[in-house]
Amino acid sequence: MRCPFCNSESNEILKSKGNTSKDLLLKCNECGNTFRETVITEKPVECRVVVSEYESSEKKFIKLYPYEKLQIGQIIEVEGREAEITSLETKRGGRIWESPLSDVETIWASYIDTLARVGVSVDFGGRVVSKKVEVDRDFEFEIGDIVKLENLLFRINSLKTMERKMRKGFARASVTKRVYGRPIEGIKRYKYDLSSKVVVINPKNEIL
């Protein structure tokens, strides 16, 4: 541990307290200044993560410290890539917003170094037009938005996220699985145009 004043690594411990982490009071042997450092003493444990990249998901294992508290939206590292936690499954089988690691059975996450791929379904009274779009992960879909999608306009009436079906409010694209809407007529103005964001995917999950 380096002294923050003279950068020397020669020091002695004056006081130590704590179990899973140690709060140390140290004295620099070079300049005589005292400073504090916190040292983690508890070993990390292996955690199961189901991480998704578009339509595919893989089970991985990462190491985290038992005292850590996890929450949806938190960024974790999975094999050198950053991923955002989208859901937490407890050992009792429920899904929650945040939890200490000790109560978590599975972490659900998605990589953040890609665009978010979201399904769009527009219902024409029984005939449904479905598309896939890729947008920035922070893009927000809001129920009530009027959207242009190629040659049609529609109003969003519900959203399906990783956690639930929504009929009011908004959600970021990173946690949105599908946008549902109905076509509208007589209105030319729209909030945004998703036409350039449409992707065509073949049965092998490859973009055409």
N, C-alpha and C. Protein backbone atom coordinates (compact mmCIF):
# COMPACT_ATOMS: atom_id res chain seq x y z
N MET A 1 0.84 -1.20 0.00
CA MET A 1 0.00 0.00 0.00
C MET A 1 0.87 1.24 0.00
N ARG A 2 0.58 2.14 -0.91
CA ARG A 2 1.40 3.34 -1.06
C ARG A 2 0.92 4.48 -0.18
N CYS A 3 1.85 5.22 0.34
CA CYS A 3 1.53 6.43 1.10
C CYS A 3 0.99 7.47 0.12
N PRO A 4 -0.16 8.08 0.40
CA PRO A 4 -0.73 9.08 -0.52
C PRO A 4 0.06 10.39 -0.54
N PHE A 5 1.01 10.55 0.40
CA PHE A 5 1.77 11.80 0.49
C PHE A 5 3.11 11.71 -0.23
N CYS A 6 3.85 10.59 0.01
CA CYS A 6 5.19 10.49 -0.60
C CYS A 6 5.31 9.30 -1.55
N ASN A 7 4.24 8.50 -1.65
CA ASN A 7 4.19 7.36 -2.58
C ASN A 7 5.07 6.18 -2.16
N SER A 8 5.55 6.19 -0.93
CA SER A 8 6.38 5.09 -0.44
C SER A 8 5.50 3.89 -0.09
N GLU A 9 6.05 2.70 -0.30
CA GLU A 9 5.33 1.46 0.05
C GLU A 9 5.80 0.89 1.38
N SER A 10 6.67 1.62 2.06
CA SER A 10 7.16 1.18 3.37
C SER A 10 6.30 1.79 4.46
N ASN A 11 5.54 0.95 5.17
CA ASN A 11 4.65 1.46 6.21
C ASN A 11 4.43 0.40 7.27
N GLU A 12 3.87 0.82 8.39
CA GLU A 12 3.52 -0.11 9.47
C GLU A 12 2.06 0.09 9.87
N ILE A 13 1.42 -1.00 10.30
CA ILE A 13 0.01 -0.96 10.70
C ILE A 13 -0.09 -0.51 12.15
N LEU A 14 -0.81 0.57 12.39
CA LEU A 14 -1.03 1.06 13.74
C LEU A 14 -2.30 0.50 14.35
N LYS A 15 -3.31 0.29 13.51
CA LYS A 15 -4.60 -0.20 14.01
C LYS A 15 -5.31 -0.96 12.91
N SER A 16 -6.04 -2.02 13.29
CA SER A 16 -6.79 -2.83 12.33
C SER A 16 -8.10 -3.26 12.95
N LYS A 17 -9.20 -3.14 12.15
CA LYS A 17 -10.50 -3.61 12.65
C LYS A 17 -11.35 -4.08 11.48
N GLY A 18 -12.28 -5.00 11.78
CA GLY A 18 -13.15 -5.54 10.74
C GLY A 18 -12.92 -7.02 10.52
N ASN A 19 -13.91 -7.68 9.88
CA ASN A 19 -13.81 -9.12 9.61
C ASN A 19 -13.69 -9.40 8.12
N THR A 20 -14.81 -9.20 7.35
CA THR A 20 -14.76 -9.48 5.92
C THR A 20 -13.89 -8.46 5.18
N SER A 21 -13.70 -7.28 5.80
CA SER A 21 -12.76 -6.30 5.27
C SER A 21 -12.06 -5.66 6.47
N LYS A 22 -10.84 -5.24 6.26
CA LYS A 22 -10.04 -4.65 7.32
C LYS A 22 -9.87 -3.15 7.07
N ASP A 23 -10.24 -2.36 8.07
CA ASP A 23 -9.97 -0.92 8.03
C ASP A 23 -8.65 -0.69 8.76
N LEU A 24 -7.63 -0.29 8.02
CA LEU A 24 -6.29 -0.17 8.56
C LEU A 24 -5.89 1.29 8.74
N LEU A 25 -5.22 1.55 9.85
CA LEU A 25 -4.57 2.83 10.07
C LEU A 25 -3.07 2.56 9.96
N LEU A 26 -2.43 3.20 8.99
CA LEU A 26 -1.03 2.94 8.72
C LEU A 26 -0.17 4.18 8.91
N LYS A 27 1.10 3.94 9.20
CA LYS A 27 2.06 5.02 9.33
C LYS A 27 3.18 4.79 8.33
N CYS A 28 3.48 5.80 7.54
CA CYS A 28 4.53 5.71 6.53
C CYS A 28 5.90 5.78 7.21
N ASN A 29 6.76 4.82 6.89
CA ASN A 29 8.10 4.80 7.47
C ASN A 29 9.04 5.83 6.86
N GLU A 30 8.65 6.40 5.72
CA GLU A 30 9.49 7.37 5.05
C GLU A 30 9.23 8.80 5.52
N CYS A 31 7.93 9.21 5.46
CA CYS A 31 7.62 10.61 5.81
C CYS A 31 6.92 10.76 7.15
N GLY A 32 6.47 9.64 7.74
CA GLY A 32 5.84 9.70 9.06
C GLY A 32 4.36 10.01 9.06
N ASN A 33 3.77 10.25 7.89
CA ASN A 33 2.34 10.55 7.82
C ASN A 33 1.51 9.30 8.08
N THR A 34 0.33 9.49 8.62
CA THR A 34 -0.61 8.37 8.83
C THR A 34 -1.73 8.47 7.81
N PHE A 35 -2.24 7.31 7.39
CA PHE A 35 -3.33 7.28 6.42
C PHE A 35 -4.12 5.99 6.61
N ARG A 36 -5.31 5.95 6.02
CA ARG A 36 -6.21 4.80 6.17
C ARG A 36 -6.37 4.06 4.84
N GLU A 37 -6.52 2.75 4.94
CA GLU A 37 -6.78 1.90 3.79
C GLU A 37 -7.77 0.82 4.19
N THR A 38 -8.61 0.38 3.24
CA THR A 38 -9.51 -0.74 3.48
C THR A 38 -9.07 -1.92 2.62
N VAL A 39 -8.90 -3.06 3.25
CA VAL A 39 -8.43 -4.26 2.57
C VAL A 39 -9.50 -5.33 2.66
N ILE A 40 -9.89 -5.92 1.52
CA ILE A 40 -10.88 -6.99 1.49
C ILE A 40 -10.21 -8.30 1.90
N THR A 41 -10.76 -8.97 2.90
CA THR A 41 -10.18 -10.23 3.36
C THR A 41 -11.04 -11.43 3.01
N GLU A 42 -12.34 -11.20 2.71
CA GLU A 42 -13.23 -12.32 2.37
C GLU A 42 -13.00 -12.75 0.93
N LYS A 43 -13.00 -14.05 0.68
CA LYS A 43 -12.74 -14.59 -0.65
C LYS A 43 -13.99 -14.50 -1.53
N PRO A 44 -13.83 -14.27 -2.83
CA PRO A 44 -14.99 -14.24 -3.74
C PRO A 44 -15.57 -15.64 -3.91
N VAL A 45 -16.86 -15.69 -4.27
CA VAL A 45 -17.55 -16.96 -4.50
C VAL A 45 -18.03 -17.00 -5.95
N GLU A 46 -18.26 -18.21 -6.45
CA GLU A 46 -18.70 -18.38 -7.83
C GLU A 46 -20.20 -18.19 -7.94
N CYS A 47 -20.64 -17.40 -8.92
CA CYS A 47 -22.06 -17.09 -9.12
C CYS A 47 -22.47 -17.45 -10.54
N ARG A 48 -23.71 -17.93 -10.67
CA ARG A 48 -24.22 -18.29 -12.00
C ARG A 48 -24.84 -17.07 -12.66
N VAL A 49 -24.47 -16.85 -13.92
CA VAL A 49 -25.00 -15.75 -14.70
C VAL A 49 -25.53 -16.28 -16.02
N VAL A 50 -26.77 -15.92 -16.36
CA VAL A 50 -27.29 -16.21 -17.69
C VAL A 50 -27.23 -14.90 -18.46
N VAL A 51 -26.33 -14.83 -19.43
CA VAL A 51 -26.08 -13.57 -20.13
C VAL A 51 -26.54 -13.71 -21.58
N SER A 52 -27.26 -12.72 -22.06
CA SER A 52 -27.84 -12.78 -23.39
C SER A 52 -27.16 -11.80 -24.34
N GLU A 53 -27.17 -12.20 -25.59
CA GLU A 53 -26.72 -11.36 -26.69
C GLU A 53 -27.71 -11.54 -27.82
N TYR A 54 -28.63 -10.58 -27.95
CA TYR A 54 -29.76 -10.70 -28.86
C TYR A 54 -30.60 -11.91 -28.49
N GLU A 55 -30.88 -12.83 -29.43
CA GLU A 55 -31.78 -13.94 -29.14
C GLU A 55 -31.10 -15.12 -28.45
N SER A 56 -29.79 -15.10 -28.33
CA SER A 56 -29.09 -16.24 -27.73
C SER A 56 -28.67 -15.92 -26.29
N SER A 57 -28.65 -16.96 -25.46
CA SER A 57 -28.24 -16.81 -24.06
C SER A 57 -27.27 -17.93 -23.70
N GLU A 58 -26.35 -17.61 -22.81
CA GLU A 58 -25.37 -18.59 -22.36
C GLU A 58 -25.26 -18.54 -20.84
N LYS A 59 -25.01 -19.71 -20.27
CA LYS A 59 -24.78 -19.77 -18.82
C LYS A 59 -23.29 -19.63 -18.56
N LYS A 60 -22.95 -18.67 -17.69
CA LYS A 60 -21.56 -18.42 -17.34
C LYS A 60 -21.43 -18.43 -15.82
N PHE A 61 -20.20 -18.41 -15.35
CA PHE A 61 -19.93 -18.30 -13.92
C PHE A 61 -18.90 -17.21 -13.69
N ILE A 62 -19.19 -16.32 -12.74
CA ILE A 62 -18.27 -15.25 -12.39
C ILE A 62 -18.05 -15.27 -10.89
N LYS A 63 -17.03 -14.58 -10.44
CA LYS A 63 -16.73 -14.53 -9.01
C LYS A 63 -17.03 -13.15 -8.45
N LEU A 64 -17.81 -13.14 -7.37
CA LEU A 64 -18.16 -11.90 -6.68
C LEU A 64 -17.97 -12.12 -5.18
N TYR A 65 -17.89 -11.02 -4.44
CA TYR A 65 -17.72 -11.14 -2.99
C TYR A 65 -19.06 -11.34 -2.29
N PRO A 66 -19.13 -12.20 -1.28
CA PRO A 66 -20.40 -12.52 -0.61
C PRO A 66 -21.13 -11.32 -0.03
N TYR A 67 -20.39 -10.29 0.37
CA TYR A 67 -21.03 -9.12 0.99
C TYR A 67 -21.65 -8.16 -0.03
N GLU A 68 -21.42 -8.38 -1.32
CA GLU A 68 -21.90 -7.45 -2.34
C GLU A 68 -23.42 -7.44 -2.44
N LYS A 69 -23.97 -6.27 -2.77
CA LYS A 69 -25.40 -6.12 -3.00
C LYS A 69 -25.60 -5.84 -4.48
N LEU A 70 -26.49 -6.61 -5.11
CA LEU A 70 -26.72 -6.50 -6.54
C LEU A 70 -28.07 -5.84 -6.80
N GLN A 71 -28.19 -5.16 -7.96
CA GLN A 71 -29.46 -4.58 -8.34
C GLN A 71 -29.57 -4.49 -9.85
N ILE A 72 -30.80 -4.45 -10.33
CA ILE A 72 -31.05 -4.33 -11.77
C ILE A 72 -30.44 -3.02 -12.28
N GLY A 73 -29.78 -3.10 -13.42
CA GLY A 73 -29.11 -1.93 -13.99
C GLY A 73 -27.64 -1.86 -13.67
N GLN A 74 -27.19 -2.65 -12.71
CA GLN A 74 -25.79 -2.67 -12.33
C GLN A 74 -24.95 -3.32 -13.42
N ILE A 75 -23.73 -2.84 -13.62
CA ILE A 75 -22.83 -3.38 -14.62
C ILE A 75 -21.87 -4.37 -13.97
N ILE A 76 -21.77 -5.56 -14.54
CA ILE A 76 -20.82 -6.56 -14.06
C ILE A 76 -19.94 -6.98 -15.23
N GLU A 77 -18.82 -7.61 -14.94
CA GLU A 77 -17.93 -8.09 -15.99
C GLU A 77 -18.08 -9.59 -16.14
N VAL A 78 -18.30 -10.03 -17.37
CA VAL A 78 -18.45 -11.46 -17.68
C VAL A 78 -17.42 -11.82 -18.74
N GLU A 79 -16.39 -12.53 -18.31
CA GLU A 79 -15.32 -12.97 -19.22
C GLU A 79 -14.77 -11.82 -20.06
N GLY A 80 -14.50 -10.70 -19.39
CA GLY A 80 -13.88 -9.57 -20.06
C GLY A 80 -14.82 -8.63 -20.78
N ARG A 81 -16.13 -8.93 -20.78
CA ARG A 81 -17.12 -8.06 -21.42
C ARG A 81 -18.07 -7.50 -20.36
N GLU A 82 -18.48 -6.25 -20.54
CA GLU A 82 -19.42 -5.64 -19.60
C GLU A 82 -20.85 -6.06 -19.92
N ALA A 83 -21.60 -6.39 -18.87
CA ALA A 83 -23.00 -6.79 -19.02
C ALA A 83 -23.84 -6.08 -17.97
N GLU A 84 -25.07 -5.76 -18.34
CA GLU A 84 -26.00 -5.08 -17.42
C GLU A 84 -26.95 -6.10 -16.82
N ILE A 85 -27.10 -6.06 -15.49
CA ILE A 85 -28.04 -6.96 -14.82
C ILE A 85 -29.47 -6.56 -15.20
N THR A 86 -30.23 -7.52 -15.73
CA THR A 86 -31.61 -7.25 -16.14
C THR A 86 -32.62 -7.89 -15.19
N SER A 87 -32.18 -8.88 -14.41
CA SER A 87 -33.09 -9.54 -13.47
C SER A 87 -32.27 -10.31 -12.44
N LEU A 88 -32.83 -10.46 -11.26
CA LEU A 88 -32.20 -11.23 -10.19
C LEU A 88 -33.18 -12.30 -9.71
N GLU A 89 -32.77 -13.55 -9.79
CA GLU A 89 -33.61 -14.67 -9.34
C GLU A 89 -33.10 -15.15 -7.98
N THR A 90 -33.98 -15.14 -7.00
CA THR A 90 -33.58 -15.53 -5.65
C THR A 90 -33.60 -17.05 -5.48
N LYS A 91 -33.06 -17.51 -4.39
CA LYS A 91 -33.03 -18.94 -4.10
C LYS A 91 -34.44 -19.47 -3.82
N ARG A 92 -35.39 -18.58 -3.57
CA ARG A 92 -36.79 -18.98 -3.37
C ARG A 92 -37.57 -19.01 -4.68
N GLY A 93 -36.91 -18.61 -5.77
CA GLY A 93 -37.55 -18.68 -7.08
C GLY A 93 -38.18 -17.40 -7.57
N GLY A 94 -38.18 -16.34 -6.75
CA GLY A 94 -38.80 -15.08 -7.16
C GLY A 94 -37.81 -14.18 -7.89
N ARG A 95 -38.35 -13.15 -8.53
CA ARG A 95 -37.54 -12.13 -9.20
C ARG A 95 -37.68 -10.82 -8.43
N ILE A 96 -36.56 -10.18 -8.13
CA ILE A 96 -36.58 -8.96 -7.34
C ILE A 96 -35.69 -7.90 -7.96
N TRP A 97 -35.85 -6.65 -7.48
CA TRP A 97 -35.12 -5.51 -8.01
C TRP A 97 -33.68 -5.48 -7.51
N GLU A 98 -33.47 -5.78 -6.23
CA GLU A 98 -32.14 -5.79 -5.66
C GLU A 98 -32.07 -6.82 -4.56
N SER A 99 -30.84 -7.29 -4.29
CA SER A 99 -30.68 -8.34 -3.29
C SER A 99 -29.22 -8.50 -2.92
N PRO A 100 -28.94 -8.89 -1.67
CA PRO A 100 -27.57 -9.27 -1.34
C PRO A 100 -27.22 -10.54 -2.11
N LEU A 101 -25.96 -10.68 -2.46
CA LEU A 101 -25.53 -11.83 -3.25
C LEU A 101 -25.89 -13.16 -2.58
N SER A 102 -25.88 -13.18 -1.27
CA SER A 102 -26.15 -14.42 -0.54
C SER A 102 -27.54 -14.99 -0.81
N ASP A 103 -28.49 -14.14 -1.27
CA ASP A 103 -29.86 -14.60 -1.54
C ASP A 103 -30.11 -14.86 -3.02
N VAL A 104 -29.10 -14.64 -3.87
CA VAL A 104 -29.29 -14.74 -5.32
C VAL A 104 -28.92 -16.13 -5.82
N GLU A 105 -29.83 -16.73 -6.60
CA GLU A 105 -29.57 -18.02 -7.23
C GLU A 105 -28.97 -17.83 -8.62
N THR A 106 -29.56 -16.91 -9.42
CA THR A 106 -29.09 -16.68 -10.78
C THR A 106 -29.16 -15.19 -11.10
N ILE A 107 -28.11 -14.69 -11.72
CA ILE A 107 -28.08 -13.32 -12.23
C ILE A 107 -28.39 -13.38 -13.72
N TRP A 108 -29.37 -12.59 -14.16
CA TRP A 108 -29.70 -12.49 -15.59
C TRP A 108 -29.14 -11.16 -16.08
N ALA A 109 -28.45 -11.21 -17.22
CA ALA A 109 -27.79 -10.00 -17.71
C ALA A 109 -27.71 -10.01 -19.23
N SER A 110 -27.39 -8.86 -19.79
CA SER A 110 -27.17 -8.77 -21.24
C SER A 110 -25.96 -7.89 -21.50
N TYR A 111 -25.19 -8.27 -22.52
CA TYR A 111 -23.99 -7.51 -22.85
C TYR A 111 -24.36 -6.10 -23.29
N ILE A 112 -23.52 -5.14 -22.93
CA ILE A 112 -23.82 -3.74 -23.26
C ILE A 112 -22.94 -3.20 -24.37
N ASP A 113 -22.08 -4.05 -24.95
CA ASP A 113 -21.25 -3.57 -26.05
C ASP A 113 -21.93 -3.79 -27.41
N THR A 114 -23.23 -4.03 -27.39
CA THR A 114 -24.02 -4.18 -28.61
C THR A 114 -25.26 -3.30 -28.50
N LEU A 115 -25.94 -3.08 -29.62
CA LEU A 115 -27.23 -2.40 -29.59
C LEU A 115 -28.28 -3.32 -28.97
N ALA A 116 -29.37 -2.74 -28.51
CA ALA A 116 -30.49 -3.55 -28.00
C ALA A 116 -31.37 -3.97 -29.17
N ARG A 117 -31.72 -5.23 -29.22
CA ARG A 117 -32.61 -5.73 -30.27
C ARG A 117 -33.99 -5.96 -29.65
N VAL A 118 -35.00 -5.28 -30.18
CA VAL A 118 -36.34 -5.28 -29.60
C VAL A 118 -37.35 -5.70 -30.66
N GLY A 119 -38.29 -6.55 -30.29
CA GLY A 119 -39.36 -6.94 -31.18
C GLY A 119 -40.46 -5.89 -31.21
N VAL A 120 -41.06 -5.70 -32.37
CA VAL A 120 -42.18 -4.76 -32.53
C VAL A 120 -43.33 -5.51 -33.19
N SER A 121 -44.50 -5.52 -32.57
CA SER A 121 -45.69 -6.17 -33.13
C SER A 121 -46.81 -5.16 -33.25
N VAL A 122 -47.33 -5.02 -34.47
CA VAL A 122 -48.44 -4.10 -34.72
C VAL A 122 -49.66 -4.94 -35.12
N ASP A 123 -50.74 -4.80 -34.36
CA ASP A 123 -51.92 -5.63 -34.53
C ASP A 123 -52.96 -4.92 -35.40
N PHE A 124 -53.24 -5.49 -36.58
CA PHE A 124 -54.27 -4.97 -37.48
C PHE A 124 -55.57 -5.76 -37.29
N GLY A 125 -56.03 -5.87 -36.07
CA GLY A 125 -57.28 -6.58 -35.81
C GLY A 125 -57.22 -8.08 -36.09
N GLY A 126 -56.15 -8.71 -35.69
CA GLY A 126 -55.98 -10.14 -35.90
C GLY A 126 -54.80 -10.47 -36.79
N ARG A 127 -54.49 -9.60 -37.73
CA ARG A 127 -53.29 -9.77 -38.56
C ARG A 127 -52.17 -8.94 -37.93
N VAL A 128 -51.11 -9.63 -37.53
CA VAL A 128 -50.03 -8.96 -36.81
C VAL A 128 -48.79 -8.84 -37.68
N VAL A 129 -48.27 -7.63 -37.77
CA VAL A 129 -47.00 -7.38 -38.46
C VAL A 129 -45.91 -7.30 -37.40
N SER A 130 -44.89 -8.15 -37.53
CA SER A 130 -43.81 -8.19 -36.55
C SER A 130 -42.47 -7.86 -37.20
N LYS A 131 -41.68 -7.07 -36.50
CA LYS A 131 -40.35 -6.68 -36.96
C LYS A 131 -39.39 -6.75 -35.77
N LYS A 132 -38.10 -6.71 -36.10
CA LYS A 132 -37.06 -6.56 -35.09
C LYS A 132 -36.32 -5.26 -35.39
N VAL A 133 -36.06 -4.49 -34.35
CA VAL A 133 -35.30 -3.25 -34.52
C VAL A 133 -34.11 -3.25 -33.56
N GLU A 134 -33.05 -2.57 -33.97
CA GLU A 134 -31.88 -2.41 -33.11
C GLU A 134 -31.69 -0.93 -32.82
N VAL A 135 -31.70 -0.59 -31.53
CA VAL A 135 -31.59 0.81 -31.09
C VAL A 135 -30.58 0.89 -29.95
N ASP A 136 -30.18 2.12 -29.62
CA ASP A 136 -29.28 2.31 -28.48
C ASP A 136 -29.93 1.76 -27.22
N ARG A 137 -29.13 1.24 -26.34
CA ARG A 137 -29.64 0.59 -25.12
C ARG A 137 -30.39 1.57 -24.22
N ASP A 138 -30.04 2.86 -24.29
CA ASP A 138 -30.70 3.86 -23.45
C ASP A 138 -31.95 4.46 -24.10
N PHE A 139 -32.24 4.03 -25.33
CA PHE A 139 -33.44 4.53 -26.01
C PHE A 139 -34.67 4.16 -25.19
N GLU A 140 -35.64 5.08 -25.09
CA GLU A 140 -36.83 4.85 -24.26
C GLU A 140 -38.08 4.71 -25.12
N PHE A 141 -38.80 3.62 -24.88
CA PHE A 141 -40.12 3.42 -25.47
C PHE A 141 -41.16 3.81 -24.43
N GLU A 142 -42.10 4.65 -24.83
CA GLU A 142 -43.14 5.09 -23.90
C GLU A 142 -44.52 4.76 -24.46
N ILE A 143 -45.35 4.19 -23.61
CA ILE A 143 -46.70 3.86 -24.03
C ILE A 143 -47.45 5.14 -24.39
N GLY A 144 -48.07 5.14 -25.58
CA GLY A 144 -48.72 6.33 -26.09
C GLY A 144 -47.94 6.99 -27.21
N ASP A 145 -46.64 6.64 -27.34
CA ASP A 145 -45.83 7.20 -28.42
C ASP A 145 -46.42 6.83 -29.78
N ILE A 146 -46.40 7.78 -30.72
CA ILE A 146 -46.75 7.49 -32.11
C ILE A 146 -45.46 7.29 -32.89
N VAL A 147 -45.36 6.13 -33.55
CA VAL A 147 -44.10 5.70 -34.14
C VAL A 147 -44.30 5.39 -35.62
N LYS A 148 -43.29 5.76 -36.41
CA LYS A 148 -43.28 5.39 -37.82
C LYS A 148 -42.40 4.15 -37.98
N LEU A 149 -42.89 3.17 -38.70
CA LEU A 149 -42.14 1.95 -38.98
C LEU A 149 -42.35 1.59 -40.44
N GLU A 150 -41.36 1.97 -41.25
CA GLU A 150 -41.45 1.80 -42.69
C GLU A 150 -42.71 2.47 -43.23
N ASN A 151 -43.68 1.71 -43.76
CA ASN A 151 -44.84 2.34 -44.42
C ASN A 151 -46.07 2.45 -43.52
N LEU A 152 -45.90 2.31 -42.21
CA LEU A 152 -47.06 2.43 -41.33
C LEU A 152 -46.75 3.27 -40.10
N LEU A 153 -47.83 3.82 -39.53
CA LEU A 153 -47.75 4.54 -38.27
C LEU A 153 -48.55 3.76 -37.23
N PHE A 154 -48.03 3.69 -36.01
CA PHE A 154 -48.76 3.00 -34.95
C PHE A 154 -48.53 3.68 -33.61
N ARG A 155 -49.46 3.41 -32.70
CA ARG A 155 -49.34 3.94 -31.34
C ARG A 155 -48.99 2.79 -30.40
N ILE A 156 -47.95 2.97 -29.58
CA ILE A 156 -47.57 1.93 -28.61
C ILE A 156 -48.66 1.83 -27.54
N ASN A 157 -49.20 0.61 -27.35
CA ASN A 157 -50.22 0.45 -26.30
C ASN A 157 -49.76 -0.44 -25.14
N SER A 158 -48.63 -1.15 -25.31
CA SER A 158 -48.09 -1.93 -24.20
C SER A 158 -46.64 -2.31 -24.50
N LEU A 159 -45.93 -2.69 -23.44
CA LEU A 159 -44.54 -3.10 -23.55
C LEU A 159 -44.34 -4.39 -22.76
N LYS A 160 -43.48 -5.22 -23.23
CA LYS A 160 -43.09 -6.41 -22.48
C LYS A 160 -41.61 -6.29 -22.15
N THR A 161 -41.31 -6.18 -20.86
CA THR A 161 -39.92 -6.07 -20.43
C THR A 161 -39.44 -7.42 -19.92
N MET A 162 -38.22 -7.44 -19.42
CA MET A 162 -37.67 -8.67 -18.84
C MET A 162 -38.48 -9.13 -17.65
N GLU A 163 -39.17 -8.19 -17.00
CA GLU A 163 -39.84 -8.49 -15.75
C GLU A 163 -41.36 -8.61 -15.85
N ARG A 164 -41.99 -7.83 -16.76
CA ARG A 164 -43.45 -7.78 -16.72
C ARG A 164 -44.02 -7.18 -17.99
N LYS A 165 -45.33 -7.22 -18.08
CA LYS A 165 -46.07 -6.56 -19.16
C LYS A 165 -46.53 -5.20 -18.64
N MET A 166 -46.31 -4.15 -19.43
CA MET A 166 -46.63 -2.80 -19.01
C MET A 166 -47.70 -2.19 -19.90
N ARG A 167 -48.65 -1.49 -19.29
CA ARG A 167 -49.69 -0.78 -20.04
C ARG A 167 -49.66 0.72 -19.77
N LYS A 168 -48.69 1.15 -19.02
CA LYS A 168 -48.45 2.58 -18.83
C LYS A 168 -46.98 2.78 -18.45
N GLY A 169 -46.50 3.99 -18.71
CA GLY A 169 -45.12 4.29 -18.39
C GLY A 169 -44.18 4.09 -19.56
N PHE A 170 -42.91 3.91 -19.25
CA PHE A 170 -41.89 3.76 -20.29
C PHE A 170 -40.83 2.78 -19.81
N ALA A 171 -40.00 2.32 -20.75
CA ALA A 171 -38.91 1.41 -20.41
C ALA A 171 -37.75 1.63 -21.36
N ARG A 172 -36.55 1.45 -20.87
CA ARG A 172 -35.37 1.53 -21.72
C ARG A 172 -35.31 0.32 -22.63
N ALA A 173 -34.69 0.50 -23.79
CA ALA A 173 -34.59 -0.59 -24.75
C ALA A 173 -33.80 -1.77 -24.20
N SER A 174 -32.85 -1.51 -23.32
CA SER A 174 -32.00 -2.58 -22.79
C SER A 174 -32.79 -3.63 -22.01
N VAL A 175 -33.97 -3.25 -21.47
CA VAL A 175 -34.76 -4.22 -20.72
C VAL A 175 -36.09 -4.54 -21.41
N THR A 176 -36.28 -4.01 -22.62
CA THR A 176 -37.54 -4.23 -23.34
C THR A 176 -37.40 -5.39 -24.31
N LYS A 177 -38.31 -6.35 -24.21
CA LYS A 177 -38.28 -7.50 -25.11
C LYS A 177 -39.16 -7.25 -26.35
N ARG A 178 -40.33 -6.64 -26.14
CA ARG A 178 -41.23 -6.42 -27.28
C ARG A 178 -42.10 -5.19 -27.05
N VAL A 179 -42.36 -4.48 -28.15
CA VAL A 179 -43.25 -3.32 -28.18
C VAL A 179 -44.51 -3.72 -28.93
N TYR A 180 -45.68 -3.44 -28.35
CA TYR A 180 -46.96 -3.77 -28.98
C TYR A 180 -47.70 -2.49 -29.35
N GLY A 181 -48.29 -2.49 -30.54
CA GLY A 181 -49.01 -1.30 -30.95
C GLY A 181 -50.16 -1.59 -31.88
N ARG A 182 -50.93 -0.56 -32.18
CA ARG A 182 -52.04 -0.64 -33.12
C ARG A 182 -51.88 0.48 -34.15
N PRO A 183 -52.22 0.22 -35.40
CA PRO A 183 -52.07 1.24 -36.44
C PRO A 183 -53.02 2.41 -36.21
N ILE A 184 -52.62 3.57 -36.65
CA ILE A 184 -53.47 4.75 -36.54
C ILE A 184 -53.59 5.40 -37.91
N GLU A 185 -54.67 6.09 -38.10
CA GLU A 185 -54.91 6.79 -39.37
C GLU A 185 -55.27 8.24 -39.09
N GLY A 186 -55.07 9.06 -40.09
CA GLY A 186 -55.43 10.47 -39.99
C GLY A 186 -54.44 11.32 -39.24
N ILE A 187 -53.31 10.74 -38.85
CA ILE A 187 -52.27 11.48 -38.15
C ILE A 187 -50.97 11.34 -38.93
N LYS A 188 -50.34 12.44 -39.23
CA LYS A 188 -49.09 12.40 -39.99
C LYS A 188 -47.86 12.63 -39.11
N ARG A 189 -48.08 13.19 -37.93
CA ARG A 189 -46.95 13.48 -37.05
C ARG A 189 -46.62 12.25 -36.19
N TYR A 190 -45.36 12.05 -35.94
CA TYR A 190 -44.94 10.93 -35.12
C TYR A 190 -43.74 11.36 -34.27
N LYS A 191 -43.50 10.62 -33.20
CA LYS A 191 -42.43 11.00 -32.27
C LYS A 191 -41.06 10.58 -32.79
N TYR A 192 -40.97 9.38 -33.37
CA TYR A 192 -39.69 8.94 -33.93
C TYR A 192 -39.93 7.89 -35.01
N ASP A 193 -38.90 7.70 -35.83
CA ASP A 193 -38.98 6.80 -36.97
C ASP A 193 -38.00 5.63 -36.76
N LEU A 194 -38.55 4.42 -36.72
CA LEU A 194 -37.72 3.23 -36.51
C LEU A 194 -37.38 2.52 -37.82
N SER A 195 -37.74 3.09 -38.94
CA SER A 195 -37.58 2.42 -40.23
C SER A 195 -36.13 2.01 -40.49
N SER A 196 -35.18 2.88 -40.18
CA SER A 196 -33.78 2.59 -40.45
C SER A 196 -33.18 1.61 -39.43
N LYS A 197 -33.96 1.29 -38.38
CA LYS A 197 -33.46 0.42 -37.32
C LYS A 197 -33.90 -1.04 -37.52
N VAL A 198 -34.71 -1.29 -38.55
CA VAL A 198 -35.24 -2.64 -38.77
C VAL A 198 -34.12 -3.57 -39.23
N VAL A 199 -34.09 -4.77 -38.65
CA VAL A 199 -33.14 -5.81 -39.08
C VAL A 199 -33.93 -7.03 -39.50
N VAL A 200 -33.42 -7.73 -40.51
CA VAL A 200 -34.05 -8.96 -40.99
C VAL A 200 -33.18 -10.12 -40.57
N ILE A 201 -33.77 -11.10 -39.91
CA ILE A 201 -33.01 -12.22 -39.36
C ILE A 201 -33.49 -13.52 -40.00
N ASN A 202 -32.56 -14.33 -40.46
CA ASN A 202 -32.95 -15.62 -41.05
C ASN A 202 -33.06 -16.67 -39.96
N PRO A 203 -33.50 -17.87 -40.25
CA PRO A 203 -33.70 -18.89 -39.23
C PRO A 203 -32.43 -19.26 -38.44
N LYS A 204 -31.26 -18.95 -38.99
CA LYS A 204 -30.01 -19.25 -38.29
C LYS A 204 -29.60 -18.11 -37.37
N ASN A 205 -30.51 -17.14 -37.17
CA ASN A 205 -30.27 -16.00 -36.29
C ASN A 205 -29.17 -15.09 -36.82
N GLU A 206 -29.07 -15.01 -38.16
CA GLU A 206 -28.09 -14.15 -38.79
C GLU A 206 -28.80 -12.98 -39.45
N ILE A 207 -28.18 -11.80 -39.37
CA ILE A 207 -28.78 -10.62 -39.99
C ILE A 207 -28.54 -10.68 -41.50
N LEU A 208 -29.62 -10.48 -42.26
CA LEU A 208 -29.51 -10.49 -43.72
C LEU A 208 -29.23 -9.09 -44.24
